[in-house]
Amino acid sequence: HLYLNILECNVITFTKKKTFITCDCY
């Protein structure tokens, strides 16, 4: 019964590469 605030959840990728794999999380 601990409900997530989806708007406060986010994804970030740390890299110095110009092209990299991005994951769409749900």
PDB file of all heavy atoms in Angstrom:
ATOM      1  N   HIS A   1       0.816  -1.218   0.000  1.00  0.00           N
ATOM      2  CA  HIS A   1       0.000   0.000   0.000  1.00  0.00           C
ATOM      3  C   HIS A   1       0.852   1.272   0.000  1.00  0.00           C
ATOM      4  O   HIS A   1       0.515   2.268   0.643  1.00  0.00           O
ATOM      5  CB  HIS A   1      -0.941   0.007   1.212  1.00  0.00           C
ATOM      6  CG  HIS A   1      -1.784  -1.223   1.312  1.00  0.00           C
ATOM      7  ND1 HIS A   1      -2.857  -1.470   0.477  1.00  0.00           N
ATOM      8  CD2 HIS A   1      -1.687  -2.305   2.140  1.00  0.00           C
ATOM      9  CE1 HIS A   1      -3.394  -2.641   0.793  1.00  0.00           C
ATOM     10  NE2 HIS A   1      -2.700  -3.172   1.792  1.00  0.00           N
ATOM     11  N   LEU A   2       1.979   1.211  -0.716  1.00  0.00           N
ATOM     12  CA  LEU A   2       2.847   2.371  -0.858  1.00  0.00           C
ATOM     13  C   LEU A   2       2.837   2.741  -2.338  1.00  0.00           C
ATOM     14  O   LEU A   2       3.556   2.172  -3.146  1.00  0.00           O
ATOM     15  CB  LEU A   2       4.270   2.026  -0.408  1.00  0.00           C
ATOM     16  CG  LEU A   2       5.280   3.171  -0.363  1.00  0.00           C
ATOM     17  CD1 LEU A   2       4.905   4.181   0.709  1.00  0.00           C
ATOM     18  CD2 LEU A   2       6.680   2.632  -0.094  1.00  0.00           C
ATOM     19  N   TYR A   3       2.018   3.700  -2.677  1.00  0.00           N
ATOM     20  CA  TYR A   3       1.755   3.975  -4.082  1.00  0.00           C
ATOM     21  C   TYR A   3       2.769   4.967  -4.644  1.00  0.00           C
ATOM     22  O   TYR A   3       3.076   5.987  -4.024  1.00  0.00           O
ATOM     23  CB  TYR A   3       0.330   4.492  -4.257  1.00  0.00           C
ATOM     24  CG  TYR A   3      -0.686   3.501  -3.752  1.00  0.00           C
ATOM     25  CD1 TYR A   3      -1.332   3.687  -2.531  1.00  0.00           C
ATOM     26  CD2 TYR A   3      -0.949   2.341  -4.474  1.00  0.00           C
ATOM     27  CE1 TYR A   3      -2.239   2.747  -2.058  1.00  0.00           C
ATOM     28  CE2 TYR A   3      -1.863   1.401  -4.010  1.00  0.00           C
ATOM     29  CZ  TYR A   3      -2.496   1.611  -2.797  1.00  0.00           C
ATOM     30  OH  TYR A   3      -3.384   0.673  -2.321  1.00  0.00           O
ATOM     31  N   LEU A   4       3.285   4.651  -5.824  1.00  0.00           N
ATOM     32  CA  LEU A   4       4.316   5.454  -6.460  1.00  0.00           C
ATOM     33  C   LEU A   4       3.711   6.668  -7.160  1.00  0.00           C
ATOM     34  O   LEU A   4       2.635   6.587  -7.748  1.00  0.00           O
ATOM     35  CB  LEU A   4       5.079   4.614  -7.485  1.00  0.00           C
ATOM     36  CG  LEU A   4       5.927   3.462  -6.949  1.00  0.00           C
ATOM     37  CD1 LEU A   4       6.482   2.654  -8.125  1.00  0.00           C
ATOM     38  CD2 LEU A   4       7.068   3.974  -6.093  1.00  0.00           C
ATOM     39  N   ASN A   5       4.437   7.781  -7.088  1.00  0.00           N
ATOM     40  CA  ASN A   5       4.098   8.950  -7.887  1.00  0.00           C
ATOM     41  C   ASN A   5       4.875   8.823  -9.195  1.00  0.00           C
ATOM     42  O   ASN A   5       6.067   9.121  -9.263  1.00  0.00           O
ATOM     43  CB  ASN A   5       4.489  10.229  -7.146  1.00  0.00           C
ATOM     44  CG  ASN A   5       4.045  11.477  -7.899  1.00  0.00           C
ATOM     45  OD1 ASN A   5       3.666  11.418  -9.067  1.00  0.00           O
ATOM     46  ND2 ASN A   5       4.104  12.609  -7.234  1.00  0.00           N
ATOM     47  N   ILE A   6       4.205   8.360 -10.226  1.00  0.00           N
ATOM     48  CA  ILE A   6       4.875   8.051 -11.487  1.00  0.00           C
ATOM     49  C   ILE A   6       5.532   9.294 -12.089  1.00  0.00           C
ATOM     50  O   ILE A   6       6.587   9.214 -12.719  1.00  0.00           O
ATOM     51  CB  ILE A   6       3.881   7.427 -12.488  1.00  0.00           C
ATOM     52  CG1 ILE A   6       3.314   6.127 -11.902  1.00  0.00           C
ATOM     53  CG2 ILE A   6       4.538   7.149 -13.827  1.00  0.00           C
ATOM     54  CD1 ILE A   6       2.287   5.446 -12.772  1.00  0.00           C
ATOM     55  N   LEU A   7       4.942  10.470 -11.848  1.00  0.00           N
ATOM     56  CA  LEU A   7       5.512  11.698 -12.391  1.00  0.00           C
ATOM     57  C   LEU A   7       6.859  12.030 -11.759  1.00  0.00           C
ATOM     58  O   LEU A   7       7.658  12.779 -12.332  1.00  0.00           O
ATOM     59  CB  LEU A   7       4.538  12.864 -12.192  1.00  0.00           C
ATOM     60  CG  LEU A   7       3.196  12.751 -12.928  1.00  0.00           C
ATOM     61  CD1 LEU A   7       2.317  13.950 -12.614  1.00  0.00           C
ATOM     62  CD2 LEU A   7       3.411  12.620 -14.435  1.00  0.00           C
ATOM     63  N   GLU A   8       7.104  11.485 -10.562  1.00  0.00           N
ATOM     64  CA  GLU A   8       8.385  11.729  -9.879  1.00  0.00           C
ATOM     65  C   GLU A   8       9.430  10.669 -10.217  1.00  0.00           C
ATOM     66  O   GLU A   8      10.577  10.775  -9.786  1.00  0.00           O
ATOM     67  CB  GLU A   8       8.173  11.769  -8.363  1.00  0.00           C
ATOM     68  CG  GLU A   8       7.344  12.938  -7.872  1.00  0.00           C
ATOM     69  CD  GLU A   8       8.042  14.275  -8.082  1.00  0.00           C
ATOM     70  OE1 GLU A   8       9.290  14.307  -8.014  1.00  0.00           O
ATOM     71  OE2 GLU A   8       7.351  15.270  -8.356  1.00  0.00           O
ATOM     72  N   CYS A   9       9.038   9.647 -10.961  1.00  0.00           N
ATOM     73  CA  CYS A   9       9.981   8.597 -11.359  1.00  0.00           C
ATOM     74  C   CYS A   9      10.552   8.940 -12.737  1.00  0.00           C
ATOM     75  O   CYS A   9       9.808   9.321 -13.633  1.00  0.00           O
ATOM     76  CB  CYS A   9       9.278   7.242 -11.418  1.00  0.00           C
ATOM     77  SG  CYS A   9       8.551   6.713  -9.843  1.00  0.00           S
ATOM     78  N   ASN A  10      11.849   8.818 -12.888  1.00  0.00           N
ATOM     79  CA  ASN A  10      12.458   9.168 -14.167  1.00  0.00           C
ATOM     80  C   ASN A  10      13.682   8.311 -14.440  1.00  0.00           C
ATOM     81  O   ASN A  10      14.162   7.588 -13.568  1.00  0.00           O
ATOM     82  CB  ASN A  10      12.820  10.659 -14.213  1.00  0.00           C
ATOM     83  CG  ASN A  10      13.660  11.073 -13.022  1.00  0.00           C
ATOM     84  OD1 ASN A  10      14.842  10.750 -12.950  1.00  0.00           O
ATOM     85  ND2 ASN A  10      13.050  11.779 -12.071  1.00  0.00           N
ATOM     86  N   VAL A  11      14.164   8.398 -15.671  1.00  0.00           N
ATOM     87  CA  VAL A  11      15.310   7.602 -16.137  1.00  0.00           C
ATOM     88  C   VAL A  11      16.376   8.554 -16.670  1.00  0.00           C
ATOM     89  O   VAL A  11      16.058   9.570 -17.303  1.00  0.00           O
ATOM     90  CB  VAL A  11      14.889   6.623 -17.252  1.00  0.00           C
ATOM     91  CG1 VAL A  11      16.078   5.801 -17.715  1.00  0.00           C
ATOM     92  CG2 VAL A  11      13.761   5.725 -16.784  1.00  0.00           C
ATOM     93  N   ILE A  12      17.632   8.234 -16.407  1.00  0.00           N
ATOM     94  CA  ILE A  12      18.730   9.014 -16.958  1.00  0.00           C
ATOM     95  C   ILE A  12      19.861   8.057 -17.336  1.00  0.00           C
ATOM     96  O   ILE A  12      20.082   7.049 -16.657  1.00  0.00           O
ATOM     97  CB  ILE A  12      19.235  10.083 -15.955  1.00  0.00           C
ATOM     98  CG1 ILE A  12      20.316  10.956 -16.605  1.00  0.00           C
ATOM     99  CG2 ILE A  12      19.757   9.449 -14.683  1.00  0.00           C
ATOM    100  CD1 ILE A  12      20.690  12.185 -15.791  1.00  0.00           C
ATOM    101  N   THR A  13      20.529   8.351 -18.435  1.00  0.00           N
ATOM    102  CA  THR A  13      21.649   7.535 -18.901  1.00  0.00           C
ATOM    103  C   THR A  13      22.933   8.352 -18.789  1.00  0.00           C
ATOM    104  O   THR A  13      22.997   9.464 -19.316  1.00  0.00           O
ATOM    105  CB  THR A  13      21.452   7.108 -20.369  1.00  0.00           C
ATOM    106  OG1 THR A  13      20.265   6.332 -20.470  1.00  0.00           O
ATOM    107  CG2 THR A  13      22.633   6.279 -20.850  1.00  0.00           C
ATOM    108  N   PHE A  14      23.910   7.812 -18.083  1.00  0.00           N
ATOM    109  CA  PHE A  14      25.204   8.481 -17.953  1.00  0.00           C
ATOM    110  C   PHE A  14      26.185   7.854 -18.937  1.00  0.00           C
ATOM    111  O   PHE A  14      26.477   6.662 -18.858  1.00  0.00           O
ATOM    112  CB  PHE A  14      25.751   8.340 -16.525  1.00  0.00           C
ATOM    113  CG  PHE A  14      24.924   9.055 -15.500  1.00  0.00           C
ATOM    114  CD1 PHE A  14      24.153   8.354 -14.596  1.00  0.00           C
ATOM    115  CD2 PHE A  14      24.917  10.436 -15.436  1.00  0.00           C
ATOM    116  CE1 PHE A  14      23.390   9.003 -13.645  1.00  0.00           C
ATOM    117  CE2 PHE A  14      24.157  11.118 -14.492  1.00  0.00           C
ATOM    118  CZ  PHE A  14      23.394  10.389 -13.598  1.00  0.00           C
ATOM    119  N   THR A  15      26.667   8.653 -19.853  1.00  0.00           N
ATOM    120  CA  THR A  15      27.630   8.167 -20.839  1.00  0.00           C
ATOM    121  C   THR A  15      28.289   9.353 -21.531  1.00  0.00           C
ATOM    122  O   THR A  15      27.723  10.457 -21.577  1.00  0.00           O
ATOM    123  CB  THR A  15      26.946   7.281 -21.896  1.00  0.00           C
ATOM    124  OG1 THR A  15      27.916   6.812 -22.814  1.00  0.00           O
ATOM    125  CG2 THR A  15      25.866   8.049 -22.633  1.00  0.00           C
ATOM    126  N   LYS A  16      29.476   9.113 -22.063  1.00  0.00           N
ATOM    127  CA  LYS A  16      30.163  10.128 -22.863  1.00  0.00           C
ATOM    128  C   LYS A  16      30.162   9.761 -24.346  1.00  0.00           C
ATOM    129  O   LYS A  16      30.771  10.444 -25.158  1.00  0.00           O
ATOM    130  CB  LYS A  16      31.592  10.321 -22.358  1.00  0.00           C
ATOM    131  CG  LYS A  16      31.658  10.967 -20.976  1.00  0.00           C
ATOM    132  CD  LYS A  16      33.076  11.325 -20.572  1.00  0.00           C
ATOM    133  CE  LYS A  16      33.078  12.059 -19.236  1.00  0.00           C
ATOM    134  NZ  LYS A  16      34.457  12.450 -18.823  1.00  0.00           N
ATOM    135  N   LYS A  17      29.450   8.674 -24.667  1.00  0.00           N
ATOM    136  CA  LYS A  17      29.339   8.263 -26.059  1.00  0.00           C
ATOM    137  C   LYS A  17      28.277   9.093 -26.777  1.00  0.00           C
ATOM    138  O   LYS A  17      27.283   9.503 -26.181  1.00  0.00           O
ATOM    139  CB  LYS A  17      28.972   6.780 -26.141  1.00  0.00           C
ATOM    140  CG  LYS A  17      30.025   5.841 -25.559  1.00  0.00           C
ATOM    141  CD  LYS A  17      29.572   4.393 -25.678  1.00  0.00           C
ATOM    142  CE  LYS A  17      30.612   3.445 -25.113  1.00  0.00           C
ATOM    143  NZ  LYS A  17      30.177   2.019 -25.199  1.00  0.00           N
ATOM    144  N   LYS A  18      28.469   9.308 -28.070  1.00  0.00           N
ATOM    145  CA  LYS A  18      27.490  10.047 -28.865  1.00  0.00           C
ATOM    146  C   LYS A  18      26.290   9.177 -29.224  1.00  0.00           C
ATOM    147  O   LYS A  18      25.168   9.658 -29.340  1.00  0.00           O
ATOM    148  CB  LYS A  18      28.148  10.590 -30.134  1.00  0.00           C
ATOM    149  CG  LYS A  18      29.186  11.676 -29.861  1.00  0.00           C
ATOM    150  CD  LYS A  18      29.744  12.252 -31.157  1.00  0.00           C
ATOM    151  CE  LYS A  18      30.735  13.367 -30.872  1.00  0.00           C
ATOM    152  NZ  LYS A  18      31.306  13.956 -32.116  1.00  0.00           N
ATOM    153  N   THR A  19      26.521   7.888 -29.411  1.00  0.00           N
ATOM    154  CA  THR A  19      25.435   6.953 -29.686  1.00  0.00           C
ATOM    155  C   THR A  19      25.434   5.874 -28.617  1.00  0.00           C
ATOM    156  O   THR A  19      26.485   5.298 -28.307  1.00  0.00           O
ATOM    157  CB  THR A  19      25.602   6.306 -31.076  1.00  0.00           C
ATOM    158  OG1 THR A  19      26.857   5.636 -31.149  1.00  0.00           O
ATOM    159  CG2 THR A  19      25.527   7.367 -32.156  1.00  0.00           C
ATOM    160  N   PHE A  20      24.277   5.607 -28.057  1.00  0.00           N
ATOM    161  CA  PHE A  20      24.175   4.603 -26.994  1.00  0.00           C
ATOM    162  C   PHE A  20      22.756   4.047 -26.972  1.00  0.00           C
ATOM    163  O   PHE A  20      21.829   4.609 -27.574  1.00  0.00           O
ATOM    164  CB  PHE A  20      24.525   5.214 -25.637  1.00  0.00           C
ATOM    165  CG  PHE A  20      23.761   6.470 -25.311  1.00  0.00           C
ATOM    166  CD1 PHE A  20      22.545   6.414 -24.664  1.00  0.00           C
ATOM    167  CD2 PHE A  20      24.268   7.724 -25.671  1.00  0.00           C
ATOM    168  CE1 PHE A  20      21.840   7.561 -24.363  1.00  0.00           C
ATOM    169  CE2 PHE A  20      23.562   8.868 -25.391  1.00  0.00           C
ATOM    170  CZ  PHE A  20      22.351   8.796 -24.731  1.00  0.00           C
ATOM    171  N   ILE A  21      22.600   2.938 -26.294  1.00  0.00           N
ATOM    172  CA  ILE A  21      21.299   2.258 -26.201  1.00  0.00           C
ATOM    173  C   ILE A  21      20.439   2.963 -25.150  1.00  0.00           C
ATOM    174  O   ILE A  21      20.882   3.201 -24.024  1.00  0.00           O
ATOM    175  CB  ILE A  21      21.488   0.783 -25.824  1.00  0.00           C
ATOM    176  CG1 ILE A  21      22.313   0.058 -26.887  1.00  0.00           C
ATOM    177  CG2 ILE A  21      20.129   0.093 -25.637  1.00  0.00           C
ATOM    178  CD1 ILE A  21      22.661  -1.371 -26.527  1.00  0.00           C
ATOM    179  N   THR A  22      19.228   3.296 -25.513  1.00  0.00           N
ATOM    180  CA  THR A  22      18.286   3.888 -24.560  1.00  0.00           C
ATOM    181  C   THR A  22      17.160   2.894 -24.284  1.00  0.00           C
ATOM    182  O   THR A  22      16.673   2.228 -25.195  1.00  0.00           O
ATOM    183  CB  THR A  22      17.693   5.196 -25.108  1.00  0.00           C
ATOM    184  OG1 THR A  22      17.047   4.927 -26.359  1.00  0.00           O
ATOM    185  CG2 THR A  22      18.780   6.241 -25.312  1.00  0.00           C
ATOM    186  N   CYS A  23      16.774   2.838 -23.034  1.00  0.00           N
ATOM    187  CA  CYS A  23      15.704   1.919 -22.624  1.00  0.00           C
ATOM    188  C   CYS A  23      14.444   2.719 -22.302  1.00  0.00           C
ATOM    189  O   CYS A  23      14.499   3.651 -21.486  1.00  0.00           O
ATOM    190  CB  CYS A  23      16.126   1.111 -21.394  1.00  0.00           C
ATOM    191  SG  CYS A  23      17.607   0.124 -21.627  1.00  0.00           S
ATOM    192  N   ASP A  24      13.344   2.366 -22.904  1.00  0.00           N
ATOM    193  CA  ASP A  24      12.059   2.953 -22.553  1.00  0.00           C
ATOM    194  C   ASP A  24      11.454   2.139 -21.420  1.00  0.00           C
ATOM    195  O   ASP A  24      11.096   0.970 -21.594  1.00  0.00           O
ATOM    196  CB  ASP A  24      11.116   2.958 -23.758  1.00  0.00           C
ATOM    197  CG  ASP A  24      11.557   3.948 -24.824  1.00  0.00           C
ATOM    198  OD1 ASP A  24      12.200   4.944 -24.457  1.00  0.00           O
ATOM    199  OD2 ASP A  24      11.272   3.712 -26.006  1.00  0.00           O
ATOM    200  N   CYS A  25      11.366   2.760 -20.248  1.00  0.00           N
ATOM    201  CA  CYS A  25      10.873   2.059 -19.051  1.00  0.00           C
ATOM    202  C   CYS A  25       9.444   2.493 -18.746  1.00  0.00           C
ATOM    203  O   CYS A  25       9.068   3.651 -18.987  1.00  0.00           O
ATOM    204  CB  CYS A  25      11.793   2.342 -17.868  1.00  0.00           C
ATOM    205  SG  CYS A  25      13.510   1.821 -18.145  1.00  0.00           S
ATOM    206  N   TYR A  26       8.671   1.560 -18.194  1.00  0.00           N
ATOM    207  CA  TYR A  26       7.244   1.799 -17.972  1.00  0.00           C
ATOM    208  C   TYR A  26       6.841   1.458 -16.545  1.00  0.00           C
ATOM    209  O   TYR A  26       7.415   0.574 -15.906  1.00  0.00           O
ATOM    210  CB  TYR A  26       6.399   0.950 -18.930  1.00  0.00           C
ATOM    211  CG  TYR A  26       6.636   1.236 -20.394  1.00  0.00           C
ATOM    212  CD1 TYR A  26       7.681   0.626 -21.079  1.00  0.00           C
ATOM    213  CD2 TYR A  26       5.791   2.111 -21.092  1.00  0.00           C
ATOM    214  CE1 TYR A  26       7.892   0.880 -22.428  1.00  0.00           C
ATOM    215  CE2 TYR A  26       5.999   2.370 -22.440  1.00  0.00           C
ATOM    216  CZ  TYR A  26       7.045   1.750 -23.096  1.00  0.00           C
ATOM    217  OH  TYR A  26       7.248   2.007 -24.424  1.00  0.00           O
TER     218      TYR A  26
END
